[in-house]
PDB file of N, CA and C in Angstrom:
ATOM      1  N   MET A   1     -14.861 -11.678   5.475  1.00  0.00           N
ATOM      2  CA  MET A   1     -16.288 -11.912   5.028  1.00  0.00           C
ATOM      3  C   MET A   1     -17.198 -10.777   5.569  1.00  0.00           C
ATOM      4  N   TYR A   2     -17.461  -9.925   4.567  1.00  0.00           N
ATOM      5  CA  TYR A   2     -18.244  -8.757   5.006  1.00  0.00           C
ATOM      6  C   TYR A   2     -19.678  -8.843   4.397  1.00  0.00           C
ATOM      7  N   GLY A   3     -19.921  -9.525   3.341  1.00  0.00           N
ATOM      8  CA  GLY A   3     -21.236  -9.621   2.799  1.00  0.00           C
ATOM      9  C   GLY A   3     -21.945 -10.828   3.455  1.00  0.00           C
ATOM     10  N   GLN A   4     -23.253 -10.793   3.433  1.00  0.00           N
ATOM     11  CA  GLN A   4     -23.967 -11.994   4.103  1.00  0.00           C
ATOM     12  C   GLN A   4     -23.704 -13.293   3.348  1.00  0.00           C
ATOM     13  N   ASP A   5     -23.728 -13.291   1.990  1.00  0.00           N
ATOM     14  CA  ASP A   5     -23.492 -14.458   1.317  1.00  0.00           C
ATOM     15  C   ASP A   5     -22.039 -14.990   1.579  1.00  0.00           C
ATOM     16  N   ASP A   6     -21.062 -14.085   1.579  1.00  0.00           N
ATOM     17  CA  ASP A   6     -19.670 -14.515   1.878  1.00  0.00           C
ATOM     18  C   ASP A   6     -19.601 -15.111   3.280  1.00  0.00           C
ATOM     19  N   PHE A   7     -20.397 -14.508   4.234  1.00  0.00           N
ATOM     20  CA  PHE A   7     -20.292 -15.016   5.575  1.00  0.00           C
ATOM     21  C   PHE A   7     -20.894 -16.359   5.739  1.00  0.00           C
ATOM     22  N   VAL A   8     -21.995 -16.541   5.036  1.00  0.00           N
ATOM     23  CA  VAL A   8     -22.698 -17.868   5.096  1.00  0.00           C
ATOM     24  C   VAL A   8     -21.967 -18.929   4.510  1.00  0.00           C
ATOM     25  N   LEU A   9     -21.437 -18.682   3.222  1.00  0.00           N
ATOM     26  CA  LEU A   9     -20.566 -19.745   2.541  1.00  0.00           C
ATOM     27  C   LEU A   9     -19.281 -19.986   3.232  1.00  0.00           C
ATOM     28  N   GLY A  10     -18.586 -18.871   3.679  1.00  0.00           N
ATOM     29  CA  GLY A  10     -17.375 -19.053   4.477  1.00  0.00           C
ATOM     30  C   GLY A  10     -17.605 -19.874   5.783  1.00  0.00           C
ATOM     31  N   THR A  11     -18.701 -19.746   6.518  1.00  0.00           N
ATOM     32  CA  THR A  11     -18.822 -20.412   7.622  1.00  0.00           C
ATOM     33  C   THR A  11     -19.202 -21.832   7.328  1.00  0.00           C
ATOM     34  N   LYS A  12     -19.907 -22.031   6.297  1.00  0.00           N
ATOM     35  CA  LYS A  12     -20.232 -23.467   5.778  1.00  0.00           C
ATOM     36  C   LYS A  12     -19.125 -24.243   5.616  1.00  0.00           C
ATOM     37  N   ILE A  13     -18.043 -23.619   4.837  1.00  0.00           N
ATOM     38  CA  ILE A  13     -16.891 -24.451   4.410  1.00  0.00           C
ATOM     39  C   ILE A  13     -15.770 -24.274   5.329  1.00  0.00           C
ATOM     40  N   GLY A  14     -15.995 -23.620   6.484  1.00  0.00           N
ATOM     41  CA  GLY A  14     -14.968 -23.520   7.550  1.00  0.00           C
ATOM     42  C   GLY A  14     -13.812 -22.479   7.400  1.00  0.00           C
ATOM     43  N   LEU A  15     -14.097 -21.378   6.604  1.00  0.00           N
ATOM     44  CA  LEU A  15     -13.078 -20.268   6.474  1.00  0.00           C
ATOM     45  C   LEU A  15     -12.894 -19.625   7.729  1.00  0.00           C
ATOM     46  N   PRO A  16     -11.600 -19.217   8.070  1.00  0.00           N
ATOM     47  CA  PRO A  16     -11.459 -18.386   9.334  1.00  0.00           C
ATOM     48  C   PRO A  16     -12.073 -17.091   9.169  1.00  0.00           C
ATOM     49  N   LYS A  17     -12.441 -16.376  10.256  1.00  0.00           N
ATOM     50  CA  LYS A  17     -12.968 -15.109  10.208  1.00  0.00           C
ATOM     51  C   LYS A  17     -12.074 -14.087  10.739  1.00  0.00           C
ATOM     52  N   TYR A  18     -11.380 -13.378   9.801  1.00  0.00           N
ATOM     53  CA  TYR A  18     -10.443 -12.320  10.211  1.00  0.00           C
ATOM     54  C   TYR A  18     -10.894 -11.101   9.640  1.00  0.00           C
ATOM     55  N   HIS A  19     -10.793  -9.908  10.453  1.00  0.00           N
ATOM     56  CA  HIS A  19     -10.948  -8.599   9.987  1.00  0.00           C
ATOM     57  C   HIS A  19      -9.793  -8.103   9.341  1.00  0.00           C
ATOM     58  N   LEU A  20      -9.972  -7.716   8.018  1.00  0.00           N
ATOM     59  CA  LEU A  20      -8.811  -7.229   7.213  1.00  0.00           C
ATOM     60  C   LEU A  20      -8.907  -5.665   7.146  1.00  0.00           C
ATOM     61  N   VAL A  21      -9.929  -5.125   7.692  1.00  0.00           N
ATOM     62  CA  VAL A  21     -10.186  -3.643   7.517  1.00  0.00           C
ATOM     63  C   VAL A  21     -10.305  -3.228   9.130  1.00  0.00           C
ATOM     64  N   ASN A  22      -9.647  -1.967   9.361  1.00  0.00           N
ATOM     65  CA  ASN A  22      -9.839  -1.468  10.664  1.00  0.00           C
ATOM     66  C   ASN A  22     -11.150  -0.603  10.803  1.00  0.00           C
ATOM     67  N   PRO A  23     -11.483  -0.187  11.854  1.00  0.00           N
ATOM     68  CA  PRO A  23     -12.710   0.628  12.180  1.00  0.00           C
ATOM     69  C   PRO A  23     -12.761   1.878  11.317  1.00  0.00           C
ATOM     70  N   GLU A  24     -11.725   2.355  10.811  1.00  0.00           N
ATOM     71  CA  GLU A  24     -11.697   3.565  10.018  1.00  0.00           C
ATOM     72  C   GLU A  24     -11.926   3.230   8.523  1.00  0.00           C
ATOM     73  N   GLY A  25     -11.930   1.891   8.172  1.00  0.00           N
ATOM     74  CA  GLY A  25     -12.187   1.572   6.742  1.00  0.00           C
ATOM     75  C   GLY A  25     -10.904   1.528   5.975  1.00  0.00           C
ATOM     76  N   ASN A  26      -9.764   1.337   6.604  1.00  0.00           N
ATOM     77  CA  ASN A  26      -8.524   1.089   5.834  1.00  0.00           C
ATOM     78  C   ASN A  26      -8.068  -0.416   6.121  1.00  0.00           C
ATOM     79  N   PHE A  27      -7.398  -0.864   5.122  1.00  0.00           N
ATOM     80  CA  PHE A  27      -6.870  -2.357   5.224  1.00  0.00           C
ATOM     81  C   PHE A  27      -5.708  -2.225   6.179  1.00  0.00           C
ATOM     82  N   ILE A  28      -5.691  -3.333   6.969  1.00  0.00           N
ATOM     83  CA  ILE A  28      -4.623  -3.372   8.067  1.00  0.00           C
ATOM     84  C   ILE A  28      -3.350  -3.948   7.569  1.00  0.00           C
ATOM     85  N   LYS A  29      -2.318  -3.838   8.451  1.00  0.00           N
ATOM     86  CA  LYS A  29      -0.971  -4.323   8.075  1.00  0.00           C
ATOM     87  C   LYS A  29      -1.036  -5.752   7.715  1.00  0.00           C
ATOM     88  N   GLY A  30      -0.296  -6.145   6.611  1.00  0.00           N
ATOM     89  CA  GLY A  30      -0.172  -7.511   6.349  1.00  0.00           C
ATOM     90  C   GLY A  30      -1.115  -7.890   5.075  1.00  0.00           C
ATOM     91  N   THR A  31      -1.714  -6.822   4.603  1.00  0.00           N
ATOM     92  CA  THR A  31      -2.649  -7.092   3.431  1.00  0.00           C
ATOM     93  C   THR A  31      -2.085  -6.658   2.117  1.00  0.00           C
ATOM     94  N   GLY A  32      -0.737  -6.777   2.125  1.00  0.00           N
ATOM     95  CA  GLY A  32      -0.129  -6.567   0.805  1.00  0.00           C
ATOM     96  C   GLY A  32      -0.316  -5.076   0.290  1.00  0.00           C
ATOM     97  N   PHE A  33      -0.632  -5.047  -1.123  1.00  0.00           N
ATOM     98  CA  PHE A  33      -0.707  -3.686  -1.686  1.00  0.00           C
ATOM     99  C   PHE A  33      -1.961  -2.976  -1.247  1.00  0.00           C
ATOM    100  N   LEU A  34      -2.803  -3.687  -0.540  1.00  0.00           N
ATOM    101  CA  LEU A  34      -3.998  -2.954   0.028  1.00  0.00           C
ATOM    102  C   LEU A  34      -3.699  -2.318   1.350  1.00  0.00           C
ATOM    103  N   GLU A  35      -2.713  -2.683   2.042  1.00  0.00           N
ATOM    104  CA  GLU A  35      -2.452  -2.126   3.306  1.00  0.00           C
ATOM    105  C   GLU A  35      -2.455  -0.502   3.408  1.00  0.00           C
ATOM    106  N   GLY A  36      -3.295  -0.079   4.324  1.00  0.00           N
ATOM    107  CA  GLY A  36      -3.357   1.359   4.591  1.00  0.00           C
ATOM    108  C   GLY A  36      -4.403   2.060   3.729  1.00  0.00           C
ATOM    109  N   ARG A  37      -4.875   1.348   2.643  1.00  0.00           N
ATOM    110  CA  ARG A  37      -5.800   1.988   1.690  1.00  0.00           C
ATOM    111  C   ARG A  37      -7.247   1.961   2.208  1.00  0.00           C
ATOM    112  N   PHE A  38      -7.920   2.956   1.805  1.00  0.00           N
ATOM    113  CA  PHE A  38      -9.447   3.065   2.180  1.00  0.00           C
ATOM    114  C   PHE A  38     -10.173   2.185   1.360  1.00  0.00           C
ATOM    115  N   VAL A  39     -11.167   1.449   1.940  1.00  0.00           N
ATOM    116  CA  VAL A  39     -11.981   0.487   1.162  1.00  0.00           C
ATOM    117  C   VAL A  39     -12.718   1.097   0.011  1.00  0.00           C
ATOM    118  N   LYS A  40     -13.164   2.376   0.143  1.00  0.00           N
ATOM    119  CA  LYS A  40     -13.960   3.016  -0.889  1.00  0.00           C
ATOM    120  C   LYS A  40     -13.086   4.235  -1.595  1.00  0.00           C
ATOM    121  N   GLU A  41     -11.859   3.911  -1.774  1.00  0.00           N
ATOM    122  CA  GLU A  41     -10.932   4.846  -2.335  1.00  0.00           C
ATOM    123  C   GLU A  41     -11.368   5.212  -3.728  1.00  0.00           C
ATOM    124  N   VAL A  42     -11.303   6.418  -4.013  1.00  0.00           N
ATOM    125  CA  VAL A  42     -11.591   6.967  -5.293  1.00  0.00           C
ATOM    126  C   VAL A  42     -10.570   8.135  -5.686  1.00  0.00           C
ATOM    127  N   ASP A  43     -10.518   8.397  -7.030  1.00  0.00           N
ATOM    128  CA  ASP A  43      -9.619   9.432  -7.479  1.00  0.00           C
ATOM    129  C   ASP A  43     -10.340  10.794  -7.499  1.00  0.00           C
ATOM    130  N   GLU A  44      -9.647  11.893  -7.873  1.00  0.00           N
ATOM    131  CA  GLU A  44     -10.208  13.234  -7.722  1.00  0.00           C
ATOM    132  C   GLU A  44     -11.516  13.304  -8.589  1.00  0.00           C
ATOM    133  N   ASN A  45     -11.866  12.450  -9.495  1.00  0.00           N
ATOM    134  CA  ASN A  45     -13.067  12.485 -10.355  1.00  0.00           C
ATOM    135  C   ASN A  45     -14.123  11.678  -9.756  1.00  0.00           C
ATOM    136  N   GLY A  46     -13.860  10.928  -8.622  1.00  0.00           N
ATOM    137  CA  GLY A  46     -14.808  10.180  -7.879  1.00  0.00           C
ATOM    138  C   GLY A  46     -14.850   8.721  -8.581  1.00  0.00           C
ATOM    139  N   LYS A  47     -13.907   8.320  -9.382  1.00  0.00           N
ATOM    140  CA  LYS A  47     -13.802   6.932  -9.996  1.00  0.00           C
ATOM    141  C   LYS A  47     -13.082   6.028  -8.973  1.00  0.00           C
ATOM    142  N   PRO A  48     -13.600   4.755  -8.846  1.00  0.00           N
ATOM    143  CA  PRO A  48     -12.949   3.996  -7.808  1.00  0.00           C
ATOM    144  C   PRO A  48     -11.568   3.508  -8.335  1.00  0.00           C
ATOM    145  N   THR A  49     -10.571   3.595  -7.440  1.00  0.00           N
ATOM    146  CA  THR A  49      -9.218   3.229  -7.685  1.00  0.00           C
ATOM    147  C   THR A  49      -8.773   1.894  -7.129  1.00  0.00           C
ATOM    148  N   LEU A  50      -9.242   1.546  -5.917  1.00  0.00           N
ATOM    149  CA  LEU A  50      -8.968   0.460  -5.230  1.00  0.00           C
ATOM    150  C   LEU A  50      -9.552  -0.661  -5.876  1.00  0.00           C
ATOM    151  N   ALA A  51     -10.783  -0.653  -6.388  1.00  0.00           N
ATOM    152  CA  ALA A  51     -11.467  -1.705  -7.036  1.00  0.00           C
ATOM    153  C   ALA A  51     -10.636  -2.075  -8.400  1.00  0.00           C
ATOM    154  N   VAL A  52     -10.273  -1.078  -9.046  1.00  0.00           N
ATOM    155  CA  VAL A  52      -9.468  -1.191 -10.338  1.00  0.00           C
ATOM    156  C   VAL A  52      -8.166  -1.878 -10.015  1.00  0.00           C
ATOM    157  N   ASP A  53      -7.458  -1.510  -8.956  1.00  0.00           N
ATOM    158  CA  ASP A  53      -6.210  -2.151  -8.512  1.00  0.00           C
ATOM    159  C   ASP A  53      -6.438  -3.645  -8.266  1.00  0.00           C
ATOM    160  N   ILE A  54      -7.457  -3.848  -7.571  1.00  0.00           N
ATOM    161  CA  ILE A  54      -7.749  -5.406  -7.179  1.00  0.00           C
ATOM    162  C   ILE A  54      -7.971  -6.133  -8.373  1.00  0.00           C
ATOM    163  N   ILE A  55      -8.761  -5.635  -9.293  1.00  0.00           N
ATOM    164  CA  ILE A  55      -9.042  -6.317 -10.550  1.00  0.00           C
ATOM    165  C   ILE A  55      -7.772  -6.555 -11.362  1.00  0.00           C
ATOM    166  N   GLU A  56      -6.908  -5.587 -11.470  1.00  0.00           N
ATOM    167  CA  GLU A  56      -5.626  -5.659 -12.176  1.00  0.00           C
ATOM    168  C   GLU A  56      -4.829  -6.679 -11.541  1.00  0.00           C
ATOM    169  N   ASP A  57      -4.711  -6.767 -10.248  1.00  0.00           N
ATOM    170  CA  ASP A  57      -4.036  -7.757  -9.536  1.00  0.00           C
ATOM    171  C   ASP A  57      -4.463  -9.204  -9.812  1.00  0.00           C
ATOM    172  N   LEU A  58      -5.743  -9.322  -9.777  1.00  0.00           N
ATOM    173  CA  LEU A  58      -6.405 -10.586 -10.096  1.00  0.00           C
ATOM    174  C   LEU A  58      -6.160 -11.058 -11.508  1.00  0.00           C
ATOM    175  N   LYS A  59      -6.202 -10.104 -12.454  1.00  0.00           N
ATOM    176  CA  LYS A  59      -5.795 -10.527 -13.817  1.00  0.00           C
ATOM    177  C   LYS A  59      -4.399 -10.859 -13.928  1.00  0.00           C
ATOM    178  N   LYS A  60      -3.447 -10.124 -13.299  1.00  0.00           N
ATOM    179  CA  LYS A  60      -2.039 -10.472 -13.294  1.00  0.00           C
ATOM    180  C   LYS A  60      -1.762 -11.846 -12.794  1.00  0.00           C
ATOM    181  N   ARG A  61      -2.523 -12.209 -11.714  1.00  0.00           N
ATOM    182  CA  ARG A  61      -2.229 -13.604 -11.066  1.00  0.00           C
ATOM    183  C   ARG A  61      -3.205 -14.656 -11.841  1.00  0.00           C
ATOM    184  N   LYS A  62      -3.935 -14.217 -12.951  1.00  0.00           N
ATOM    185  CA  LYS A  62      -4.710 -15.148 -13.725  1.00  0.00           C
ATOM    186  C   LYS A  62      -5.860 -15.694 -12.872  1.00  0.00           C
ATOM    187  N   PHE A  63      -6.513 -14.815 -12.004  1.00  0.00           N
ATOM    188  CA  PHE A  63      -7.671 -15.344 -11.227  1.00  0.00           C
ATOM    189  C   PHE A  63      -8.948 -14.732 -11.808  1.00  0.00           C
ATOM    190  N   ILE A  64      -8.809 -13.955 -12.905  1.00  0.00           N
ATOM    191  CA  ILE A  64     -10.031 -13.516 -13.671  1.00  0.00           C
ATOM    192  C   ILE A  64     -10.270 -14.413 -14.790  1.00  0.00           C
ATOM    193  N   PHE A  65     -11.447 -15.033 -14.817  1.00  0.00           N
ATOM    194  CA  PHE A  65     -11.738 -16.008 -15.833  1.00  0.00           C
ATOM    195  C   PHE A  65     -12.511 -15.391 -16.984  1.00  0.00           C
ATOM    196  N   GLN A  66     -13.311 -14.268 -16.685  1.00  0.00           N
ATOM    197  CA  GLN A  66     -14.056 -13.688 -17.761  1.00  0.00           C
ATOM    198  C   GLN A  66     -14.447 -12.260 -17.265  1.00  0.00           C
ATOM    199  N   THR A  67     -14.396 -11.379 -18.305  1.00  0.00           N
ATOM    200  CA  THR A  67     -14.873 -10.076 -18.030  1.00  0.00           C
ATOM    201  C   THR A  67     -15.898  -9.594 -19.127  1.00  0.00           C
ATOM    202  N   ARG A  68     -16.733  -8.707 -18.769  1.00  0.00           N
ATOM    203  CA  ARG A  68     -17.654  -8.168 -19.701  1.00  0.00           C
ATOM    204  C   ARG A  68     -18.140  -6.745 -19.298  1.00  0.00           C
ATOM    205  N   LYS A  69     -18.401  -5.836 -20.155  1.00  0.00           N
ATOM    206  CA  LYS A  69     -18.935  -4.520 -19.966  1.00  0.00           C
ATOM    207  C   LYS A  69     -20.295  -4.647 -19.616  1.00  0.00           C
ATOM    208  N   LEU A  70     -20.844  -3.854 -18.693  1.00  0.00           N
ATOM    209  CA  LEU A  70     -22.118  -3.720 -18.219  1.00  0.00           C
ATOM    210  C   LEU A  70     -22.944  -2.639 -18.838  1.00  0.00           C
TER     211      LEU A  70
END
């Protein structure tokens, strides 16, 4: 829970507070395909790669209900 809204809602509904990212900004052991990856990972052109992989994983597991271009 790293954003204020996430923290407030998570606290309200009793979610546990675990750090999934180490002080260097990499996901810790046990975080699946995210393990060891930098939270602001980008490719050689500066495009985000981690965010794309997370979205693809959510789509694959049918946790994305709607998408739209901004």
